[in-house]
C-alpha atoms as a PDB file:
ATOM      1  CA  MET A   1       6.070   4.793 -19.302  1.00  0.00           C
ATOM      2  CA  SER A   2       5.515   0.777 -19.183  1.00  0.00           C
ATOM      3  CA  LYS A   3       2.415  -0.620 -17.442  1.00  0.00           C
ATOM      4  CA  THR A   4       2.183  -3.773 -14.990  1.00  0.00           C
ATOM      5  CA  PRO A   5      -1.004  -5.381 -14.875  1.00  0.00           C
ATOM      6  CA  PRO A   6      -2.859  -4.122 -11.502  1.00  0.00           C
ATOM      7  CA  GLY A   7      -1.003  -5.895  -8.368  1.00  0.00           C
ATOM      8  CA  THR A   8       2.128  -7.293 -10.056  1.00  0.00           C
ATOM      9  CA  MET A   9       4.348  -4.579  -9.420  1.00  0.00           C
ATOM     10  CA  ARG A  10       7.213  -5.917  -7.218  1.00  0.00           C
ATOM     11  CA  ASN A  11      11.423  -6.070  -6.724  1.00  0.00           C
ATOM     12  CA  GLY A  12      13.847  -8.856  -6.827  1.00  0.00           C
ATOM     13  CA  ALA A  13      13.877 -11.673  -4.825  1.00  0.00           C
ATOM     14  CA  ASN A  14      15.653 -11.037  -1.180  1.00  0.00           C
ATOM     15  CA  ALA A  15      17.511  -7.976  -2.247  1.00  0.00           C
ATOM     16  CA  MET A  16      16.442  -4.930  -3.542  1.00  0.00           C
ATOM     17  CA  HIS A  17      17.332  -3.845  -7.428  1.00  0.00           C
ATOM     18  CA  PRO A  18      21.053  -2.563  -7.754  1.00  0.00           C
ATOM     19  CA  LEU A  19      18.998   0.783  -8.897  1.00  0.00           C
ATOM     20  CA  CYS A  20      17.030   0.962  -5.778  1.00  0.00           C
ATOM     21  CA  PRO A  21      19.622   1.481  -2.616  1.00  0.00           C
ATOM     22  CA  THR A  22      18.186   1.720   0.737  1.00  0.00           C
ATOM     23  CA  PRO A  23      17.576   5.269   1.030  1.00  0.00           C
ATOM     24  CA  GLN A  24      20.003   7.388   3.420  1.00  0.00           C
ATOM     25  CA  SER A  25      18.741   7.700   7.099  1.00  0.00           C
ATOM     26  CA  GLY A  26      16.222  10.415   7.483  1.00  0.00           C
ATOM     27  CA  ARG A  27      15.858  10.410   3.576  1.00  0.00           C
ATOM     28  CA  PRO A  28      12.080   9.892   2.478  1.00  0.00           C
ATOM     29  CA  ILE A  29      11.507   6.366   0.764  1.00  0.00           C
ATOM     30  CA  VAL A  30       8.752   8.226  -1.104  1.00  0.00           C
ATOM     31  CA  SER A  31       8.977  12.303  -1.793  1.00  0.00           C
ATOM     32  CA  VAL A  32       5.953  13.943  -3.362  1.00  0.00           C
ATOM     33  CA  ARG A  33       6.545  17.601  -4.089  1.00  0.00           C
ATOM     34  CA  GLY A  34       4.274  19.922  -6.238  1.00  0.00           C
ATOM     35  CA  LEU A  35       1.714  17.306  -7.421  1.00  0.00           C
ATOM     36  CA  VAL A  36      -1.002  18.491  -9.596  1.00  0.00           C
ATOM     37  CA  ASN A  37      -3.728  16.261 -10.728  1.00  0.00           C
ATOM     38  CA  ARG A  38      -6.468  17.414 -13.077  1.00  0.00           C
ATOM     39  CA  PHE A  39      -9.534  15.597 -14.684  1.00  0.00           C
ATOM     40  CA  GLY A  40     -10.277  17.988 -17.274  1.00  0.00           C
ATOM     41  CA  GLU A  41     -11.713  21.071 -15.238  1.00  0.00           C
ATOM     42  CA  GLN A  42     -11.726  19.350 -12.571  1.00  0.00           C
ATOM     43  CA  VAL A  43      -8.297  19.948  -9.954  1.00  0.00           C
ATOM     44  CA  VAL A  44      -8.060  16.965  -7.757  1.00  0.00           C
ATOM     45  CA  HIS A  45      -4.398  18.060  -6.409  1.00  0.00           C
ATOM     46  CA  ASP A  46      -2.946  21.330  -6.467  1.00  0.00           C
ATOM     47  CA  GLY A  47       0.428  21.883  -5.045  1.00  0.00           C
ATOM     48  CA  LEU A  48      -0.072  18.651  -3.046  1.00  0.00           C
ATOM     49  CA  ASP A  49       3.562  17.396  -0.556  1.00  0.00           C
ATOM     50  CA  LEU A  50       4.070  14.390   1.166  1.00  0.00           C
ATOM     51  CA  ASP A  51       7.018  12.462   2.763  1.00  0.00           C
ATOM     52  CA  VAL A  52       6.805   8.767   3.435  1.00  0.00           C
ATOM     53  CA  ARG A  53       9.714   7.577   5.777  1.00  0.00           C
ATOM     54  CA  PRO A  54      11.755   4.299   5.931  1.00  0.00           C
ATOM     55  CA  GLY A  55      10.117   1.953   8.106  1.00  0.00           C
ATOM     56  CA  GLU A  56       6.676   3.582   8.513  1.00  0.00           C
ATOM     57  CA  ILE A  57       2.930   2.698   8.290  1.00  0.00           C
ATOM     58  CA  ILE A  58       1.423   5.794   7.377  1.00  0.00           C
ATOM     59  CA  GLY A  59      -2.350   6.117   6.636  1.00  0.00           C
ATOM     60  CA  VAL A  60      -3.595   8.038   4.054  1.00  0.00           C
ATOM     61  CA  VAL A  61      -7.155   9.631   5.040  1.00  0.00           C
ATOM     62  CA  GLY A  62      -9.896  12.187   3.271  1.00  0.00           C
ATOM     63  CA  GLY A  63     -13.211  12.721   2.476  1.00  0.00           C
ATOM     64  CA  SER A  64     -14.486  11.420  -0.747  1.00  0.00           C
ATOM     65  CA  GLY A  65     -12.886  13.379  -4.120  1.00  0.00           C
ATOM     66  CA  THR A  66      -9.697  14.058  -2.231  1.00  0.00           C
ATOM     67  CA  GLY A  67      -7.772  11.644  -4.476  1.00  0.00           C
ATOM     68  CA  LYS A  68      -6.475   8.888  -2.500  1.00  0.00           C
ATOM     69  CA  SER A  69      -6.229   6.441  -4.855  1.00  0.00           C
ATOM     70  CA  VAL A  70      -5.106   9.023  -7.721  1.00  0.00           C
ATOM     71  CA  LEU A  71      -2.486  10.049  -5.554  1.00  0.00           C
ATOM     72  CA  MET A  72      -1.040   6.430  -4.887  1.00  0.00           C
ATOM     73  CA  ARG A  73      -1.609   5.867  -8.514  1.00  0.00           C
ATOM     74  CA  ALA A  74       0.687   8.821  -9.598  1.00  0.00           C
ATOM     75  CA  ILE A  75       3.271   7.651  -7.039  1.00  0.00           C
ATOM     76  CA  LEU A  76       3.179   3.784  -8.641  1.00  0.00           C
ATOM     77  CA  GLY A  77       3.631   5.037 -12.257  1.00  0.00           C
ATOM     78  CA  LEU A  78       0.228   4.210 -13.129  1.00  0.00           C
ATOM     79  CA  ARG A  79      -0.976   7.803 -13.585  1.00  0.00           C
ATOM     80  CA  GLU A  80       1.407  10.205 -14.855  1.00  0.00           C
ATOM     81  CA  PRO A  81       0.418  14.096 -13.086  1.00  0.00           C
ATOM     82  CA  GLN A  82      -0.080  17.182 -14.863  1.00  0.00           C
ATOM     83  CA  GLU A  83       2.623  18.881 -12.529  1.00  0.00           C
ATOM     84  CA  GLY A  84       5.015  17.737  -9.962  1.00  0.00           C
ATOM     85  CA  ARG A  85       8.114  15.506  -8.826  1.00  0.00           C
ATOM     86  CA  ILE A  86       7.871  12.138  -7.023  1.00  0.00           C
ATOM     87  CA  GLU A  87      10.721   9.994  -6.422  1.00  0.00           C
ATOM     88  CA  VAL A  88      10.255   6.351  -4.961  1.00  0.00           C
ATOM     89  CA  LEU A  89      13.605   4.736  -3.182  1.00  0.00           C
ATOM     90  CA  GLY A  90      15.661   7.846  -4.480  1.00  0.00           C
ATOM     91  CA  LEU A  91      14.807   7.341  -8.360  1.00  0.00           C
ATOM     92  CA  ASN A  92      12.428   9.441 -10.036  1.00  0.00           C
ATOM     93  CA  ALA A  93       9.037   7.764 -10.579  1.00  0.00           C
ATOM     94  CA  LEU A  94       7.928   9.805 -13.403  1.00  0.00           C
ATOM     95  CA  THR A  95      10.802   9.059 -15.822  1.00  0.00           C
ATOM     96  CA  ASP A  96      10.487   7.139 -19.458  1.00  0.00           C
ATOM     97  CA  ASP A  97      13.148   5.477 -18.371  1.00  0.00           C
ATOM     98  CA  ALA A  98      12.584   1.729 -18.730  1.00  0.00           C
ATOM     99  CA  THR A  99      14.793   0.739 -16.541  1.00  0.00           C
ATOM    100  CA  GLN A 100      14.214   2.731 -13.467  1.00  0.00           C
ATOM    101  CA  ARG A 101      10.777   1.940 -13.991  1.00  0.00           C
ATOM    102  CA  ARG A 102      11.368  -1.803 -13.794  1.00  0.00           C
ATOM    103  CA  ALA A 103      13.699  -0.982 -10.819  1.00  0.00           C
ATOM    104  CA  ILE A 104      10.947   0.902  -8.874  1.00  0.00           C
ATOM    105  CA  GLU A 105       8.272  -1.439  -9.881  1.00  0.00           C
ATOM    106  CA  ARG A 106      10.529  -4.964  -9.030  1.00  0.00           C
ATOM    107  CA  ASN A 107      10.511  -3.058  -5.050  1.00  0.00           C
ATOM    108  CA  THR A 108       6.266  -2.225  -4.812  1.00  0.00           C
ATOM    109  CA  GLY A 109       4.118  -4.426  -3.640  1.00  0.00           C
ATOM    110  CA  VAL A 110       0.675  -3.497  -4.213  1.00  0.00           C
ATOM    111  CA  LEU A 111      -2.935  -4.638  -2.756  1.00  0.00           C
ATOM    112  CA  PHE A 112      -5.616  -2.836  -4.218  1.00  0.00           C
ATOM    113  CA  GLN A 113      -9.101  -2.661  -2.747  1.00  0.00           C
ATOM    114  CA  ASP A 114     -10.789  -5.796  -4.623  1.00  0.00           C
ATOM    115  CA  GLY A 115      -7.047  -7.883  -4.710  1.00  0.00           C
ATOM    116  CA  ALA A 116      -7.350  -7.653  -8.214  1.00  0.00           C
ATOM    117  CA  LEU A 117      -6.494 -11.052  -8.597  1.00  0.00           C
ATOM    118  CA  PHE A 118      -6.571 -13.085 -11.965  1.00  0.00           C
ATOM    119  CA  SER A 119      -9.940 -14.801 -11.611  1.00  0.00           C
ATOM    120  CA  SER A 120      -8.946 -17.520 -14.336  1.00  0.00           C
ATOM    121  CA  LEU A 121      -5.739 -18.557 -12.054  1.00  0.00           C
ATOM    122  CA  THR A 122      -5.498 -20.256  -8.850  1.00  0.00           C
ATOM    123  CA  VAL A 123      -3.777 -18.450  -5.561  1.00  0.00           C
ATOM    124  CA  GLY A 124      -0.619 -20.178  -5.953  1.00  0.00           C
ATOM    125  CA  GLU A 125      -0.752 -19.269  -9.761  1.00  0.00           C
ATOM    126  CA  ASN A 126      -1.660 -15.462  -8.875  1.00  0.00           C
ATOM    127  CA  VAL A 127       1.312 -15.231  -6.209  1.00  0.00           C
ATOM    128  CA  GLN A 128       3.713 -16.693  -9.280  1.00  0.00           C
ATOM    129  CA  VAL A 129       2.560 -14.422 -11.706  1.00  0.00           C
ATOM    130  CA  PRO A 130       5.613 -11.749 -10.351  1.00  0.00           C
ATOM    131  CA  LEU A 131       8.331 -14.341 -10.150  1.00  0.00           C
ATOM    132  CA  LYS A 132       7.686 -15.548 -13.372  1.00  0.00           C
ATOM    133  CA  GLU A 133       7.826 -11.680 -14.618  1.00  0.00           C
ATOM    134  CA  TYR A 134      11.092 -11.359 -12.427  1.00  0.00           C
ATOM    135  CA  HIS A 135      12.506 -14.573 -12.218  1.00  0.00           C
ATOM    136  CA  GLY A 136      11.693 -16.910 -14.910  1.00  0.00           C
ATOM    137  CA  ASP A 137      14.578 -18.974 -14.775  1.00  0.00           C
ATOM    138  CA  LEU A 138      13.312 -20.551 -11.837  1.00  0.00           C
ATOM    139  CA  PRO A 139      12.194 -24.059 -11.791  1.00  0.00           C
ATOM    140  CA  ASP A 140       8.826 -24.393 -11.456  1.00  0.00           C
ATOM    141  CA  SER A 141       9.057 -26.695  -7.992  1.00  0.00           C
ATOM    142  CA  LEU A 142      11.056 -23.793  -6.550  1.00  0.00           C
ATOM    143  CA  ARG A 143       8.567 -20.846  -7.483  1.00  0.00           C
ATOM    144  CA  TYR A 144       5.583 -23.469  -6.320  1.00  0.00           C
ATOM    145  CA  GLU A 145       7.558 -23.086  -2.981  1.00  0.00           C
ATOM    146  CA  LEU A 146       7.942 -19.772  -2.735  1.00  0.00           C
ATOM    147  CA  ALA A 147       4.335 -18.855  -3.690  1.00  0.00           C
ATOM    148  CA  LEU A 148       3.240 -21.410  -0.772  1.00  0.00           C
ATOM    149  CA  LEU A 149       5.461 -19.331   1.804  1.00  0.00           C
ATOM    150  CA  LYS A 150       3.976 -16.218   0.684  1.00  0.00           C
ATOM    151  CA  VAL A 151       0.305 -17.630   1.872  1.00  0.00           C
ATOM    152  CA  LYS A 152       1.589 -18.789   4.522  1.00  0.00           C
ATOM    153  CA  LEU A 153       2.603 -15.631   5.288  1.00  0.00           C
ATOM    154  CA  ALA A 154      -0.062 -13.701   4.247  1.00  0.00           C
ATOM    155  CA  GLY A 155      -2.338 -16.176   6.998  1.00  0.00           C
ATOM    156  CA  LEU A 156      -3.929 -18.751   4.915  1.00  0.00           C
ATOM    157  CA  PRO A 157      -4.155 -22.089   5.093  1.00  0.00           C
ATOM    158  CA  ALA A 158      -1.850 -24.448   2.297  1.00  0.00           C
ATOM    159  CA  ASP A 159      -4.860 -25.510   0.850  1.00  0.00           C
ATOM    160  CA  ALA A 160      -5.768 -22.261  -0.614  1.00  0.00           C
ATOM    161  CA  LEU A 161      -3.060 -22.632  -2.880  1.00  0.00           C
ATOM    162  CA  ASN A 162      -4.853 -24.339  -5.308  1.00  0.00           C
ATOM    163  CA  LYS A 163      -8.396 -22.579  -5.151  1.00  0.00           C
ATOM    164  CA  LEU A 164      -9.667 -19.946  -7.462  1.00  0.00           C
ATOM    165  CA  PRO A 165     -10.687 -16.212  -6.024  1.00  0.00           C
ATOM    166  CA  SER A 166     -14.346 -17.025  -6.733  1.00  0.00           C
ATOM    167  CA  GLN A 167     -14.016 -20.228  -3.937  1.00  0.00           C
ATOM    168  CA  LEU A 168     -12.546 -17.771  -1.216  1.00  0.00           C
ATOM    169  CA  SER A 169     -14.565 -15.221   1.358  1.00  0.00           C
ATOM    170  CA  GLY A 170     -13.494 -11.994   0.724  1.00  0.00           C
ATOM    171  CA  GLY A 171     -11.276 -11.175   3.377  1.00  0.00           C
ATOM    172  CA  MET A 172      -9.040 -14.631   2.466  1.00  0.00           C
ATOM    173  CA  ARG A 173      -9.076 -12.759  -1.191  1.00  0.00           C
ATOM    174  CA  LYS A 174      -7.537 -10.024   0.372  1.00  0.00           C
ATOM    175  CA  ARG A 175      -5.058 -12.269   1.801  1.00  0.00           C
ATOM    176  CA  ALA A 176      -4.452 -13.765  -1.246  1.00  0.00           C
ATOM    177  CA  GLY A 177      -3.952 -10.459  -2.967  1.00  0.00           C
ATOM    178  CA  LEU A 178      -1.321  -9.527  -0.365  1.00  0.00           C
ATOM    179  CA  ALA A 179       0.401 -12.640  -0.668  1.00  0.00           C
ATOM    180  CA  ARG A 180       0.954 -11.824  -4.135  1.00  0.00           C
ATOM    181  CA  ALA A 181       2.354  -8.455  -3.343  1.00  0.00           C
ATOM    182  CA  LEU A 182       4.742  -9.687  -1.100  1.00  0.00           C
ATOM    183  CA  ALA A 183       5.806 -12.220  -3.776  1.00  0.00           C
ATOM    184  CA  LEU A 184       9.281 -10.689  -4.168  1.00  0.00           C
ATOM    185  CA  ASP A 185       9.758  -9.246  -1.164  1.00  0.00           C
ATOM    186  CA  PRO A 186       9.648  -5.707  -1.880  1.00  0.00           C
ATOM    187  CA  PRO A 187      10.497  -3.095   1.073  1.00  0.00           C
ATOM    188  CA  LEU A 188       7.289  -0.595  -0.071  1.00  0.00           C
ATOM    189  CA  LEU A 189       4.222  -1.842   0.292  1.00  0.00           C
ATOM    190  CA  PHE A 190       1.153   0.053  -0.729  1.00  0.00           C
ATOM    191  CA  LEU A 191      -2.591  -0.899   0.577  1.00  0.00           C
ATOM    192  CA  ASP A 192      -6.120   0.598  -1.190  1.00  0.00           C
ATOM    193  CA  GLU A 193      -8.499   0.106   1.779  1.00  0.00           C
ATOM    194  CA  PRO A 194      -7.202  -3.228   3.141  1.00  0.00           C
ATOM    195  CA  THR A 195     -10.243  -3.645   5.379  1.00  0.00           C
ATOM    196  CA  ALA A 196     -13.021  -2.698   3.648  1.00  0.00           C
ATOM    197  CA  GLY A 197     -15.828  -5.160   3.211  1.00  0.00           C
ATOM    198  CA  LEU A 198     -14.301  -6.761   6.530  1.00  0.00           C
ATOM    199  CA  ASP A 199     -16.128  -7.557   9.497  1.00  0.00           C
ATOM    200  CA  PRO A 200     -15.111  -5.758  12.549  1.00  0.00           C
ATOM    201  CA  ILE A 201     -13.090  -9.108  13.831  1.00  0.00           C
ATOM    202  CA  GLY A 202     -11.779  -9.838  10.572  1.00  0.00           C
ATOM    203  CA  ALA A 203     -10.348  -5.923   9.791  1.00  0.00           C
ATOM    204  CA  ALA A 204      -8.448  -6.065  13.743  1.00  0.00           C
ATOM    205  CA  ALA A 205      -6.783  -9.613  12.443  1.00  0.00           C
ATOM    206  CA  PHE A 206      -6.104  -8.167   9.016  1.00  0.00           C
ATOM    207  CA  ASP A 207      -4.632  -4.893  10.723  1.00  0.00           C
ATOM    208  CA  ARG A 208      -2.580  -7.067  13.372  1.00  0.00           C
ATOM    209  CA  LEU A 209      -1.142  -9.206  10.198  1.00  0.00           C
ATOM    210  CA  ILE A 210       0.215  -5.963   8.021  1.00  0.00           C
ATOM    211  CA  ARG A 211       2.025  -4.471  11.817  1.00  0.00           C
ATOM    212  CA  THR A 212       2.962  -8.027  12.194  1.00  0.00           C
ATOM    213  CA  LEU A 213       4.553  -8.370   8.781  1.00  0.00           C
ATOM    214  CA  GLN A 214       5.814  -4.647   8.690  1.00  0.00           C
ATOM    215  CA  GLN A 215       7.825  -5.004  11.968  1.00  0.00           C
ATOM    216  CA  ALA A 216       9.073  -8.471  10.687  1.00  0.00           C
ATOM    217  CA  LEU A 217       9.995  -7.477   7.132  1.00  0.00           C
ATOM    218  CA  GLY A 218      10.837  -3.941   7.963  1.00  0.00           C
ATOM    219  CA  LEU A 219       7.897  -3.004   5.443  1.00  0.00           C
ATOM    220  CA  THR A 220       7.519   0.624   4.722  1.00  0.00           C
ATOM    221  CA  VAL A 221       3.816   0.550   4.238  1.00  0.00           C
ATOM    222  CA  PHE A 222       1.664   3.554   2.229  1.00  0.00           C
ATOM    223  CA  LEU A 223      -2.184   3.002   3.582  1.00  0.00           C
ATOM    224  CA  ILE A 224      -5.098   4.324   2.085  1.00  0.00           C
ATOM    225  CA  THR A 225      -8.620   3.877   4.814  1.00  0.00           C
ATOM    226  CA  HIS A 226     -11.392   5.056   6.198  1.00  0.00           C
ATOM    227  CA  ASP A 227     -11.030   2.678   8.930  1.00  0.00           C
ATOM    228  CA  LEU A 228     -10.698   4.812  12.106  1.00  0.00           C
ATOM    229  CA  ASP A 229      -9.683   1.459  14.106  1.00  0.00           C
ATOM    230  CA  THR A 230      -6.776   0.730  11.713  1.00  0.00           C
ATOM    231  CA  LEU A 231      -5.585   4.312  12.155  1.00  0.00           C
ATOM    232  CA  TYR A 232      -5.374   3.990  16.196  1.00  0.00           C
ATOM    233  CA  ALA A 233      -4.273   0.616  15.834  1.00  0.00           C
ATOM    234  CA  ILE A 234      -1.385   0.405  13.564  1.00  0.00           C
ATOM    235  CA  CYS A 235      -0.502   3.796  11.659  1.00  0.00           C
ATOM    236  CA  ASP A 236       2.720   5.647  12.398  1.00  0.00           C
ATOM    237  CA  ARG A 237       1.760   8.686  11.146  1.00  0.00           C
ATOM    238  CA  VAL A 238      -1.658  10.073   9.636  1.00  0.00           C
ATOM    239  CA  ALA A 239      -1.942  12.052   6.424  1.00  0.00           C
ATOM    240  CA  VAL A 240      -5.016  13.954   5.679  1.00  0.00           C
ATOM    241  CA  LEU A 241      -5.954  15.078   2.393  1.00  0.00           C
ATOM    242  CA  ALA A 242      -8.305  18.337   1.886  1.00  0.00           C
ATOM    243  CA  ASP A 243      -8.339  21.402   0.187  1.00  0.00           C
ATOM    244  CA  ARG A 244      -6.518  19.829  -2.821  1.00  0.00           C
ATOM    245  CA  LYS A 245      -3.439  19.187  -0.823  1.00  0.00           C
ATOM    246  CA  VAL A 246      -1.959  17.239   2.731  1.00  0.00           C
ATOM    247  CA  VAL A 247      -3.216  19.669   5.324  1.00  0.00           C
ATOM    248  CA  VAL A 248      -1.555  17.719   7.998  1.00  0.00           C
ATOM    249  CA  CYS A 249       0.888  14.730   8.522  1.00  0.00           C
ATOM    250  CA  ALA A 250       1.769  13.653  11.879  1.00  0.00           C
ATOM    251  CA  PRO A 251       1.056  10.834  14.354  1.00  0.00           C
ATOM    252  CA  ILE A 252      -2.783  10.365  15.086  1.00  0.00           C
ATOM    253  CA  GLN A 253      -2.638  12.694  18.729  1.00  0.00           C
ATOM    254  CA  GLU A 254      -0.935  15.515  16.908  1.00  0.00           C
ATOM    255  CA  VAL A 255      -3.678  15.038  13.615  1.00  0.00           C
ATOM    256  CA  GLU A 256      -6.770  14.808  16.343  1.00  0.00           C
ATOM    257  CA  ARG A 257      -5.455  18.665  17.803  1.00  0.00           C
ATOM    258  CA  PHE A 258      -5.192  19.977  14.102  1.00  0.00           C
ATOM    259  CA  GLU A 259      -7.646  23.009  13.682  1.00  0.00           C
ATOM    260  CA  HIS A 260      -9.390  21.983  10.164  1.00  0.00           C
ATOM    261  CA  PRO A 261     -13.075  21.236   9.939  1.00  0.00           C
ATOM    262  CA  TRP A 262     -13.216  18.210   8.041  1.00  0.00           C
ATOM    263  CA  VAL A 263     -10.189  17.251  10.770  1.00  0.00           C
ATOM    264  CA  GLN A 264     -12.175  17.981  13.870  1.00  0.00           C
ATOM    265  CA  GLU A 265     -15.365  16.136  12.235  1.00  0.00           C
ATOM    266  CA  TYR A 266     -13.432  13.114  11.165  1.00  0.00           C
ATOM    267  CA  PHE A 267     -11.641  12.541  14.398  1.00  0.00           C
ATOM    268  CA  HIS A 268     -13.904  13.493  17.177  1.00  0.00           C
ATOM    269  CA  GLY A 269     -16.856  11.978  16.060  1.00  0.00           C
ATOM    270  CA  PRO A 270     -18.350   8.928  17.814  1.00  0.00           C
ATOM    271  CA  ARG A 271     -16.862   6.400  15.661  1.00  0.00           C
ATOM    272  CA  ALA A 272     -13.315   7.901  16.580  1.00  0.00           C
ATOM    273  CA  ARG A 273     -14.372   7.963  20.502  1.00  0.00           C
ATOM    274  CA  ALA A 274     -14.758   4.290  20.037  1.00  0.00           C
ATOM    275  CA  ALA A 275     -11.365   3.515  18.534  1.00  0.00           C
ATOM    276  CA  ARG A 276      -9.624   6.026  21.110  1.00  0.00           C
ATOM    277  CA  THR A 277     -11.472   3.820  23.523  1.00  0.00           C
ATOM    278  CA  THR A 278     -10.366   0.959  21.865  1.00  0.00           C
ATOM    279  CA  ARG A 279      -6.843   1.607  21.618  1.00  0.00           C
ATOM    280  CA  ASP A 280      -6.383   3.303  25.278  1.00  0.00           C
ATOM    281  CA  ALA A 281      -7.804  -0.336  26.261  1.00  0.00           C
ATOM    282  CA  THR A 282      -4.954  -2.482  24.585  1.00  0.00           C
ATOM    283  CA  SER A 283      -2.098  -0.156  24.613  1.00  0.00           C
END
């Protein structure tokens, strides 16, 4: 199975690869069935099922050790599970077929928790990495203009293009990573703890950016988070990982009522009440 450097899995510019047709109405854009992930004798997932619907923002939550990032990496083809089936955009995500793997990668944008930027490259050069990989015949001037467009789309000033990651704040690095994830206009975007380490104002601004981009670009977003404010502010559905499975996946109002000890503790503690208050005040 081919491996692409973290954060550089992308789709073709302006249109999905021919092998990745738009999913039929009602058909999941990501489908996981019977997933088993083990590390030695430790079983992280045992028969996990999950569907991600086109055009939604789905938040994935769970306690420490429930395998949220392991699930994401399996969907992305960065980890081969012991058992199960995964389809992404109608293609087998676990195939060894290089053409299908590349088609999925071209249509998938990824923002890892730390941004996964190349430290020796400027922000503009980072954003151009997938453009060079999939569109190496583009003139340098056009790649530069496309990188500038994505940087601005991610909410960064134009002068960030020529800065190194070390010259950016944590929030700006996340936005730079997001710009690279959007470089090839993917229909499917994966975000791993995008607001981790941000102050409340910065986290709220990032949430608004994700929702705006999702609506404007028609994205489907798979979002791992611990941030209750994010769940209440922008997620259409929430999938809860517990007991080695997805125990519930539904709009947050339904998840709140689900009878499971972790769910009840997580969604009815003081922080959850504050998040609900904020949502109700702004809705």
